[in-house]
Amino acid sequence: MIAIKSRADRVVLYNISWQQFENILQDFGECRAARIAYDCGSLEIMTPLPEHEHYKEVISDFVKDIADTLDLDYESYGSTTWKHESRMAGLEPDNCFYFQNEVVIRGRLDLDLSQDPPPDLALEIDLTSKSLNRFPIYARLGVPEIWCYDSGELKIYLLQNDEYIESETSLVFPNLPIRELPRLIKEHRTEGRRAMRKAVKEWVSFNIYGS
């Protein structure tokens, strides 16, 4: 029997088998706004709100601009559905990136976590409002680093011994004070997106090169 718990922007289904999860993904298709997370029989279907999408795009741009400024190769796979049947885990991050393993998956469009490495970095916006705890799902998928933005604060979590531990530094950008990024958003948001992207590039140059 399937149990249901719902709110205006999300619904949680319980007692969902893996095959039912796969069927729901197939029925929904790729052209949809909803995001999905699956954890051992519990399935959350969430429709992001405009504020959520705004910060997702801003911080995603920041990640790309930082990589470009540091001349780092990367790949972004957006809200790809990552899943692993034997671990009963699946989710769609707000965005995800390959850095350390970028050369391994370069040019690939057929990634499979049963044989390919997971993204090196996942981005989650407004984590506390989501009904399912995503950390255990990410841990079973093996994602080494998560950035969580919520209420004007950016926290970094690193996977250690199958659990996420909050960290002051990032594995992807170890020489940058990543937790300062919300300050740049606050200071430049009213100036527009281009101003924010210019500010983050200058911030990287100052912290790395002193200019």
Protein backbone atom coordinates (compact mmCIF):
# COMPACT_ATOMS: atom_id res chain seq x y z
CA MET A 1 0.00 0.00 0.00
CA ILE A 2 1.36 3.43 -1.01
CA ALA A 3 1.15 6.17 1.64
CA ILE A 4 1.16 9.85 0.66
CA LYS A 5 2.23 13.02 2.43
CA SER A 6 1.91 16.31 0.56
CA ARG A 7 2.51 20.06 0.71
CA ALA A 8 1.86 22.77 -1.85
CA ASP A 9 5.25 22.37 -3.55
CA ARG A 10 6.01 18.70 -2.85
CA VAL A 11 4.59 15.27 -2.30
CA VAL A 12 6.18 12.28 -0.54
CA LEU A 13 5.18 8.73 -1.41
CA TYR A 14 6.04 5.79 0.82
CA ASN A 15 6.35 2.05 0.12
CA ILE A 16 7.54 2.67 -3.43
CA SER A 17 9.47 -0.22 -4.99
CA TRP A 18 12.50 0.37 -7.18
CA GLN A 19 10.51 -0.66 -10.24
CA GLN A 20 7.77 1.80 -9.36
CA PHE A 21 10.44 4.49 -8.99
CA GLU A 22 11.78 3.64 -12.45
CA ASN A 23 8.26 3.70 -13.89
CA ILE A 24 7.57 7.13 -12.39
CA LEU A 25 10.80 8.49 -13.88
CA GLN A 26 9.83 7.10 -17.27
CA ASP A 27 6.30 8.51 -17.05
CA PHE A 28 7.57 11.94 -16.06
CA GLY A 29 10.14 12.06 -18.85
CA GLU A 30 13.02 14.52 -19.04
CA CYS A 31 11.10 17.71 -19.83
CA ARG A 32 9.70 18.55 -16.41
CA ALA A 33 10.18 21.05 -13.62
CA ALA A 34 9.78 18.59 -10.73
CA ARG A 35 12.82 17.11 -8.94
CA ILE A 36 12.85 13.63 -7.47
CA ALA A 37 14.63 11.92 -4.58
CA TYR A 38 14.34 8.23 -3.65
CA ASP A 39 15.51 6.64 -0.41
CA CYS A 40 14.79 2.98 0.34
CA GLY A 41 11.12 3.11 -0.63
CA SER A 42 10.37 6.78 0.10
CA LEU A 43 9.95 9.05 -2.91
CA GLU A 44 9.79 12.85 -2.84
CA ILE A 45 8.56 14.83 -5.84
CA MET A 46 9.34 18.53 -5.46
CA THR A 47 8.50 21.55 -7.62
CA PRO A 48 11.14 24.28 -7.09
CA LEU A 49 9.99 27.82 -6.34
CA PRO A 50 11.42 30.92 -8.12
CA GLU A 51 13.67 31.88 -5.18
CA HIS A 52 15.12 28.37 -5.15
CA GLU A 53 15.89 28.50 -8.87
CA HIS A 54 17.44 31.96 -8.61
CA TYR A 55 20.02 30.91 -6.04
CA LYS A 56 20.64 27.63 -7.86
CA GLU A 57 21.55 29.53 -11.02
CA VAL A 58 23.64 32.17 -9.24
CA ILE A 59 25.75 29.68 -7.28
CA SER A 60 26.08 27.40 -10.31
CA ASP A 61 27.43 30.36 -12.29
CA PHE A 62 29.83 31.06 -9.44
CA VAL A 63 31.21 27.51 -9.59
CA LYS A 64 31.78 27.82 -13.33
CA ASP A 65 33.31 31.29 -13.05
CA ILE A 66 35.68 30.15 -10.31
CA ALA A 67 36.77 27.18 -12.43
CA ASP A 68 37.28 29.41 -15.47
CA THR A 69 39.31 31.93 -13.46
CA LEU A 70 41.50 29.13 -12.05
CA ASP A 71 41.77 27.49 -15.50
CA LEU A 72 40.27 24.22 -14.21
CA ASP A 73 38.54 21.73 -16.48
CA TYR A 74 35.04 20.79 -15.33
CA GLU A 75 31.76 19.35 -16.52
CA SER A 76 28.28 20.26 -15.29
CA TYR A 77 25.42 17.78 -15.45
CA GLY A 78 22.67 19.93 -13.91
CA SER A 79 19.81 18.02 -12.30
CA THR A 80 20.70 14.65 -13.81
CA THR A 81 18.91 11.69 -12.21
CA TRP A 82 21.62 9.75 -10.36
CA LYS A 83 20.58 6.31 -9.13
CA HIS A 84 21.99 3.02 -7.88
CA GLU A 85 19.53 0.13 -7.61
CA SER A 86 21.55 -2.09 -5.27
CA ARG A 87 21.84 0.82 -2.84
CA MET A 88 18.16 1.81 -3.20
CA ALA A 89 19.20 5.42 -3.74
CA GLY A 90 18.36 8.01 -6.36
CA LEU A 91 18.09 11.78 -6.59
CA GLU A 92 18.36 14.86 -8.76
CA PRO A 93 20.63 17.55 -7.31
CA ASP A 94 20.07 21.20 -8.00
CA ASN A 95 23.32 21.01 -9.93
CA CYS A 96 26.38 18.78 -9.98
CA PHE A 97 29.91 19.01 -11.30
CA TYR A 98 32.88 16.88 -12.19
CA PHE A 99 36.34 18.25 -11.44
CA GLN A 100 38.73 15.57 -10.17
CA ASN A 101 37.05 12.96 -12.39
CA GLU A 102 36.32 15.26 -15.32
CA VAL A 103 38.84 13.56 -17.59
CA VAL A 104 37.25 10.16 -16.84
CA ILE A 105 33.78 11.20 -18.01
CA ARG A 106 34.76 13.82 -20.61
CA GLY A 107 32.35 13.80 -23.52
CA ARG A 108 30.19 11.07 -21.99
CA LEU A 109 26.39 11.18 -22.16
CA ASP A 110 25.70 7.66 -20.87
CA LEU A 111 26.95 7.75 -17.27
CA ASP A 112 26.02 4.87 -14.98
CA LEU A 113 26.94 4.95 -11.29
CA SER A 114 27.27 1.18 -11.22
CA GLN A 115 30.47 1.61 -13.20
CA ASP A 116 31.26 5.33 -13.43
CA PRO A 117 32.36 7.74 -10.68
CA PRO A 118 29.71 10.03 -9.14
CA PRO A 119 29.93 13.81 -9.49
CA ASP A 120 32.69 15.40 -7.41
CA LEU A 121 30.43 18.22 -6.21
CA ALA A 122 26.67 18.49 -5.73
CA LEU A 123 24.71 21.67 -5.05
CA GLU A 124 21.60 21.74 -2.86
CA ILE A 125 19.48 24.85 -2.31
CA ASP A 126 17.17 25.33 0.68
CA LEU A 127 17.95 21.87 2.03
CA THR A 128 15.96 22.25 5.27
CA SER A 129 12.66 22.60 3.40
CA LYS A 130 13.01 19.22 1.70
CA SER A 131 11.12 16.37 3.31
CA LEU A 132 13.66 13.61 2.67
CA ASN A 133 17.11 13.78 4.25
CA ARG A 134 19.32 13.82 1.18
CA PHE A 135 22.62 13.16 2.96
CA PRO A 136 22.12 9.37 3.28
CA ILE A 137 21.14 9.21 -0.40
CA TYR A 138 24.21 11.16 -1.50
CA ALA A 139 26.39 9.02 0.78
CA ARG A 140 25.18 5.78 -0.80
CA LEU A 141 25.80 7.27 -4.23
CA GLY A 142 29.33 8.20 -3.13
CA VAL A 143 29.30 11.96 -3.86
CA PRO A 144 32.39 13.31 -2.02
CA GLU A 145 31.29 16.95 -1.55
CA ILE A 146 28.01 18.83 -1.15
CA TRP A 147 27.42 22.58 -0.98
CA CYS A 148 24.19 23.52 0.80
CA TYR A 149 22.81 27.05 0.50
CA ASP A 150 20.05 27.98 2.89
CA SER A 151 18.88 31.31 4.34
CA GLY A 152 21.91 33.28 3.18
CA GLU A 153 24.47 30.73 4.39
CA LEU A 154 26.59 28.31 2.38
CA LYS A 155 27.83 25.17 4.14
CA ILE A 156 30.31 22.61 2.84
CA TYR A 157 29.96 18.92 3.65
CA LEU A 158 32.57 16.27 2.89
CA LEU A 159 31.96 12.53 2.82
CA GLN A 160 33.98 10.69 5.48
CA ASN A 161 33.34 7.07 6.46
CA ASP A 162 29.91 7.10 4.76
CA GLU A 163 28.80 10.25 6.62
CA TYR A 164 28.92 13.95 5.77
CA ILE A 165 31.00 16.18 8.02
CA GLU A 166 30.75 19.95 7.83
CA SER A 167 33.99 21.52 6.64
CA GLU A 168 35.42 25.03 6.41
CA THR A 169 37.22 24.19 3.16
CA SER A 170 36.25 22.64 -0.15
CA LEU A 171 37.94 19.67 -1.82
CA VAL A 172 37.27 21.19 -5.22
CA PHE A 173 38.57 24.70 -4.37
CA PRO A 174 40.77 24.16 -1.28
CA ASN A 175 42.47 27.56 -1.49
CA LEU A 176 39.32 29.67 -1.53
CA PRO A 177 37.06 30.73 1.39
CA ILE A 178 33.98 29.35 -0.35
CA ARG A 179 31.68 30.18 2.53
CA GLU A 180 32.10 33.88 1.66
CA LEU A 181 30.10 33.48 -1.56
CA PRO A 182 26.73 34.47 -0.01
CA ARG A 183 28.29 37.81 0.94
CA LEU A 184 29.07 38.45 -2.73
CA ILE A 185 25.48 37.60 -3.64
CA LYS A 186 24.13 39.99 -1.02
CA GLU A 187 26.46 42.84 -1.97
CA HIS A 188 25.86 42.65 -5.73
CA ARG A 189 22.41 41.08 -6.24
CA THR A 190 20.67 44.39 -6.95
CA GLU A 191 23.32 45.19 -9.58
CA GLY A 192 22.36 42.23 -11.74
CA ARG A 193 23.79 38.87 -12.74
CA ARG A 194 26.73 40.19 -14.74
CA ALA A 195 27.89 42.31 -11.80
CA MET A 196 27.77 39.27 -9.50
CA ARG A 197 29.78 37.16 -11.94
CA LYS A 198 32.37 39.90 -12.35
CA ALA A 199 32.61 40.24 -8.57
CA VAL A 200 33.26 36.54 -8.03
CA LYS A 201 36.03 36.50 -10.64
CA GLU A 202 37.69 39.48 -8.94
CA TRP A 203 37.25 37.72 -5.57
CA VAL A 204 39.05 34.64 -6.89
CA SER A 205 41.90 36.70 -8.28
CA PHE A 206 42.30 38.57 -5.01
CA ASN A 207 42.33 35.40 -2.88
CA ILE A 208 44.64 33.43 -5.18
CA TYR A 209 46.84 36.03 -6.80
CA GLY A 210 46.47 38.98 -4.44
CA SER A 211 45.14 41.24 -7.17
